């Protein structure tokens, strides 16, 4: 059973980070597109964020909790495990609570009557870039804690 939970943990983490990289590269590339195409890219990014990043983050937290149950019985947990849990949980909270809803809002935007990007686009895009980066850094630090520092 531990193997199944570890498999789900790795799959979730792969979806989370892989989706994050795909969204990041899409956003960078879309900067140079006309407004209509740029919003189309953001609609696709919204789907990737909801289905890969959000789902992957939830899967990582749930499977990580189950994998940590044996450590709850001991008085102290290893420091690498505590770091991995704390950093991963912070990253997942940001990914699920801020990044995913912001991506959904970006995916619903339409061109304004002049055929340009809507007024709120810049602020949402900036918020998305900042918080997706924060979530990704926390996720990578959790990965580092669970592999290199183990």
C-alpha atoms as a PDB file:
ATOM      1  CA  UNK A   1       0.000   0.000   0.000  1.00  0.00           C
ATOM      2  CA  UNK A   2       2.887   2.367   0.730  1.00  0.00           C
ATOM      3  CA  UNK A   3       4.045   1.910  -2.865  1.00  0.00           C
ATOM      4  CA  UNK A   4       0.682   3.077  -4.201  1.00  0.00           C
ATOM      5  CA  UNK A   5       0.715   6.197  -2.032  1.00  0.00           C
ATOM      6  CA  UNK A   6       4.308   6.943  -3.032  1.00  0.00           C
ATOM      7  CA  UNK A   7       3.321   6.517  -6.699  1.00  0.00           C
ATOM      8  CA  UNK A   8       0.418   8.953  -6.228  1.00  0.00           C
ATOM      9  CA  UNK A   9       2.753  11.377  -4.445  1.00  0.00           C
ATOM     10  CA  UNK A  10       5.243  11.337  -7.339  1.00  0.00           C
ATOM     11  CA  UNK A  11       2.479  11.569  -9.973  1.00  0.00           C
ATOM     12  CA  UNK A  12       0.927  14.531  -8.140  1.00  0.00           C
ATOM     13  CA  UNK A  13       4.252  16.284  -7.845  1.00  0.00           C
ATOM     14  CA  UNK A  14       5.020  15.662 -11.522  1.00  0.00           C
ATOM     15  CA  UNK A  15       1.640  17.100 -12.542  1.00  0.00           C
ATOM     16  CA  UNK A  16       2.098  20.109 -10.263  1.00  0.00           C
ATOM     17  CA  UNK A  17       5.609  21.029 -11.412  1.00  0.00           C
ATOM     18  CA  UNK A  18       5.140  19.923 -15.024  1.00  0.00           C
ATOM     19  CA  UNK A  19       1.937  21.926 -15.310  1.00  0.00           C
ATOM     20  CA  UNK A  20       3.668  24.889 -13.695  1.00  0.00           C
ATOM     21  CA  UNK A  21       6.493  24.799 -16.209  1.00  0.00           C
ATOM     22  CA  UNK A  22       4.043  24.484 -19.118  1.00  0.00           C
ATOM     23  CA  UNK A  23       2.003  27.445 -17.868  1.00  0.00           C
ATOM     24  CA  UNK A  24       5.129  29.522 -17.278  1.00  0.00           C
ATOM     25  CA  UNK A  25       6.459  28.940 -20.794  1.00  0.00           C
ATOM     26  CA  UNK A  26       3.016  29.570 -22.305  1.00  0.00           C
ATOM     27  CA  UNK A  27       2.715  32.878 -20.480  1.00  0.00           C
ATOM     28  CA  UNK A  28       6.162  34.006 -21.582  1.00  0.00           C
ATOM     29  CA  UNK A  29       5.432  33.061 -25.194  1.00  0.00           C
ATOM     30  CA  UNK A  30       1.956  34.661 -25.184  1.00  0.00           C
ATOM     31  CA  UNK A  31       3.378  38.100 -24.314  1.00  0.00           C
ATOM     32  CA  UNK A  32       4.093  38.707 -27.986  1.00  0.00           C
ATOM     33  CA  UNK A  33       0.728  37.521 -29.351  1.00  0.00           C
ATOM     34  CA  UNK A  34      -2.123  39.779 -30.408  1.00  0.00           C
ATOM     35  CA  UNK A  35      -4.759  40.370 -27.707  1.00  0.00           C
ATOM     36  CA  UNK A  36      -7.277  37.790 -28.973  1.00  0.00           C
ATOM     37  CA  UNK A  37      -4.667  35.027 -29.259  1.00  0.00           C
ATOM     38  CA  UNK A  38      -3.162  35.977 -25.925  1.00  0.00           C
ATOM     39  CA  UNK A  39      -6.499  35.507 -24.168  1.00  0.00           C
ATOM     40  CA  UNK A  40      -6.916  32.159 -25.944  1.00  0.00           C
ATOM     41  CA  UNK A  41      -3.558  31.057 -24.506  1.00  0.00           C
ATOM     42  CA  UNK A  42      -4.689  32.170 -21.052  1.00  0.00           C
ATOM     43  CA  UNK A  43      -7.865  30.078 -21.423  1.00  0.00           C
ATOM     44  CA  UNK A  44      -5.692  27.020 -22.096  1.00  0.00           C
ATOM     45  CA  UNK A  45      -3.418  27.964 -19.194  1.00  0.00           C
ATOM     46  CA  UNK A  46      -6.493  28.124 -16.968  1.00  0.00           C
ATOM     47  CA  UNK A  47      -7.417  24.543 -17.860  1.00  0.00           C
ATOM     48  CA  UNK A  48      -3.847  23.320 -17.278  1.00  0.00           C
ATOM     49  CA  UNK A  49      -3.725  25.123 -13.933  1.00  0.00           C
ATOM     50  CA  UNK A  50      -7.005  23.646 -12.716  1.00  0.00           C
ATOM     51  CA  UNK A  51      -6.408  20.118 -14.004  1.00  0.00           C
ATOM     52  CA  UNK A  52      -2.667  19.638 -13.448  1.00  0.00           C
ATOM     53  CA  UNK A  53      -1.404  22.172 -10.928  1.00  0.00           C
ATOM     54  CA  UNK A  54      -4.412  22.300  -8.600  1.00  0.00           C
ATOM     55  CA  UNK A  55      -5.155  18.582  -8.782  1.00  0.00           C
ATOM     56  CA  UNK A  56      -1.474  17.692  -8.463  1.00  0.00           C
ATOM     57  CA  UNK A  57      -1.071  19.891  -5.379  1.00  0.00           C
ATOM     58  CA  UNK A  58      -4.093  18.286  -3.708  1.00  0.00           C
ATOM     59  CA  UNK A  59      -2.807  14.807  -4.549  1.00  0.00           C
ATOM     60  CA  UNK A  60       0.636  15.632  -3.126  1.00  0.00           C
ATOM     61  CA  UNK A  61      -0.811  16.914   0.159  1.00  0.00           C
ATOM     62  CA  UNK A  62      -3.205  13.984   0.634  1.00  0.00           C
ATOM     63  CA  UNK A  63      -0.656  11.307  -0.286  1.00  0.00           C
ATOM     64  CA  UNK A  64       2.051  13.069   1.735  1.00  0.00           C
ATOM     65  CA  UNK A  65      -0.177  13.045   4.793  1.00  0.00           C
ATOM     66  CA  UNK A  66      -0.861   9.319   4.387  1.00  0.00           C
ATOM     67  CA  UNK A  67       2.838   8.587   3.860  1.00  0.00           C
ATOM     68  CA  UNK A  68       3.674  10.548   7.036  1.00  0.00           C
ATOM     69  CA  UNK A  69       1.321   8.615   9.329  1.00  0.00           C
ATOM     70  CA  UNK A  70       4.057   6.185  10.495  1.00  0.00           C
ATOM     71  CA  UNK A  71       6.151   9.152  11.652  1.00  0.00           C
ATOM     72  CA  UNK A  72       3.281  10.448  13.807  1.00  0.00           C
ATOM     73  CA  UNK A  73       3.819   7.524  16.182  1.00  0.00           C
ATOM     74  CA  UNK A  74       7.381   8.572  17.022  1.00  0.00           C
ATOM     75  CA  UNK A  75       8.243  11.475  19.309  1.00  0.00           C
ATOM     76  CA  UNK A  76      10.238  13.350  16.666  1.00  0.00           C
ATOM     77  CA  UNK A  77      10.167  13.327  12.898  1.00  0.00           C
ATOM     78  CA  UNK A  78      13.319  13.766  10.807  1.00  0.00           C
ATOM     79  CA  UNK A  79      14.127  17.380   9.963  1.00  0.00           C
ATOM     80  CA  UNK A  80      14.068  16.714   6.209  1.00  0.00           C
ATOM     81  CA  UNK A  81      10.500  15.383   6.566  1.00  0.00           C
ATOM     82  CA  UNK A  82       9.354  18.385   8.573  1.00  0.00           C
ATOM     83  CA  UNK A  83      10.895  20.730   5.995  1.00  0.00           C
ATOM     84  CA  UNK A  84       9.312  18.806   3.111  1.00  0.00           C
ATOM     85  CA  UNK A  85       5.890  18.839   4.785  1.00  0.00           C
ATOM     86  CA  UNK A  86       5.984  22.500   5.748  1.00  0.00           C
ATOM     87  CA  UNK A  87       7.299  23.806   2.445  1.00  0.00           C
ATOM     88  CA  UNK A  88       5.043  21.509   0.421  1.00  0.00           C
ATOM     89  CA  UNK A  89       1.975  22.511   2.402  1.00  0.00           C
ATOM     90  CA  UNK A  90       2.754  26.226   1.998  1.00  0.00           C
ATOM     91  CA  UNK A  91       3.264  25.764  -1.748  1.00  0.00           C
ATOM     92  CA  UNK A  92       0.044  23.783  -2.075  1.00  0.00           C
ATOM     93  CA  UNK A  93      -1.942  26.400  -0.144  1.00  0.00           C
ATOM     94  CA  UNK A  94      -0.677  29.124  -2.472  1.00  0.00           C
ATOM     95  CA  UNK A  95      -1.263  26.969  -5.580  1.00  0.00           C
ATOM     96  CA  UNK A  96      -4.770  25.907  -4.579  1.00  0.00           C
ATOM     97  CA  UNK A  97      -5.896  29.089  -2.816  1.00  0.00           C
ATOM     98  CA  UNK A  98      -4.436  31.817  -5.030  1.00  0.00           C
ATOM     99  CA  UNK A  99      -2.957  30.494  -8.282  1.00  0.00           C
ATOM    100  CA  UNK A 100      -5.859  28.267  -9.350  1.00  0.00           C
ATOM    101  CA  UNK A 101      -8.635  30.853  -8.751  1.00  0.00           C
ATOM    102  CA  UNK A 102      -6.580  33.573 -10.452  1.00  0.00           C
ATOM    103  CA  UNK A 103      -6.029  31.312 -13.461  1.00  0.00           C
ATOM    104  CA  UNK A 104      -9.774  30.657 -13.610  1.00  0.00           C
ATOM    105  CA  UNK A 105     -10.448  34.417 -13.660  1.00  0.00           C
ATOM    106  CA  UNK A 106      -7.851  34.943 -16.382  1.00  0.00           C
ATOM    107  CA  UNK A 107      -9.445  32.157 -18.418  1.00  0.00           C
ATOM    108  CA  UNK A 108     -12.840  33.880 -18.316  1.00  0.00           C
ATOM    109  CA  UNK A 109     -11.633  37.263 -19.602  1.00  0.00           C
ATOM    110  CA  UNK A 110     -12.929  38.596 -22.921  1.00  0.00           C
ATOM    111  CA  UNK A 111     -11.663  41.364 -25.192  1.00  0.00           C
ATOM    112  CA  UNK A 112     -12.982  44.813 -24.379  1.00  0.00           C
ATOM    113  CA  UNK A 113     -15.226  46.608 -26.928  1.00  0.00           C
ATOM    114  CA  UNK A 114     -12.171  48.134 -28.637  1.00  0.00           C
ATOM    115  CA  UNK A 115     -10.700  44.658 -29.230  1.00  0.00           C
ATOM    116  CA  UNK A 116      -7.953  45.093 -26.648  1.00  0.00           C
ATOM    117  CA  UNK A 117      -7.087  43.291 -23.426  1.00  0.00           C
ATOM    118  CA  UNK A 118      -9.545  44.073 -20.618  1.00  0.00           C
ATOM    119  CA  UNK A 119      -8.597  46.555 -17.916  1.00  0.00           C
ATOM    120  CA  UNK A 120      -8.084  43.935 -15.191  1.00  0.00           C
ATOM    121  CA  UNK A 121      -5.822  41.694 -17.272  1.00  0.00           C
ATOM    122  CA  UNK A 122      -2.517  43.284 -16.244  1.00  0.00           C
ATOM    123  CA  UNK A 123      -3.198  43.044 -12.524  1.00  0.00           C
ATOM    124  CA  UNK A 124      -4.400  39.445 -12.712  1.00  0.00           C
ATOM    125  CA  UNK A 125      -1.449  38.419 -14.868  1.00  0.00           C
ATOM    126  CA  UNK A 126       1.013  40.027 -12.459  1.00  0.00           C
ATOM    127  CA  UNK A 127      -0.682  38.393  -9.455  1.00  0.00           C
ATOM    128  CA  UNK A 128      -0.571  35.041 -11.242  1.00  0.00           C
ATOM    129  CA  UNK A 129       3.103  35.354 -12.116  1.00  0.00           C
ATOM    130  CA  UNK A 130       4.118  36.322  -8.576  1.00  0.00           C
ATOM    131  CA  UNK A 131       2.107  33.705  -6.695  1.00  0.00           C
ATOM    132  CA  UNK A 132       2.775  30.893  -9.176  1.00  0.00           C
ATOM    133  CA  UNK A 133       6.480  31.602  -8.725  1.00  0.00           C
ATOM    134  CA  UNK A 134       6.115  31.536  -4.931  1.00  0.00           C
ATOM    135  CA  UNK A 135       4.206  28.225  -5.067  1.00  0.00           C
ATOM    136  CA  UNK A 136       6.798  26.765  -7.441  1.00  0.00           C
ATOM    137  CA  UNK A 137       9.704  27.824  -5.229  1.00  0.00           C
ATOM    138  CA  UNK A 138       8.043  26.235  -2.182  1.00  0.00           C
ATOM    139  CA  UNK A 139       7.412  23.053  -4.197  1.00  0.00           C
ATOM    140  CA  UNK A 140      11.016  22.881  -5.385  1.00  0.00           C
ATOM    141  CA  UNK A 141      12.331  23.496  -1.868  1.00  0.00           C
ATOM    142  CA  UNK A 142      10.075  20.677  -0.612  1.00  0.00           C
ATOM    143  CA  UNK A 143      11.474  18.406  -3.323  1.00  0.00           C
ATOM    144  CA  UNK A 144      15.010  19.399  -2.359  1.00  0.00           C
ATOM    145  CA  UNK A 145      14.259  18.677   1.303  1.00  0.00           C
ATOM    146  CA  UNK A 146      12.871  15.233   0.544  1.00  0.00           C
ATOM    147  CA  UNK A 147      15.648  14.165  -1.799  1.00  0.00           C
ATOM    148  CA  UNK A 148      18.980  15.892  -1.255  1.00  0.00           C
ATOM    149  CA  UNK A 149      18.651  16.520   2.491  1.00  0.00           C
ATOM    150  CA  UNK A 150      17.152  13.135   3.271  1.00  0.00           C
END
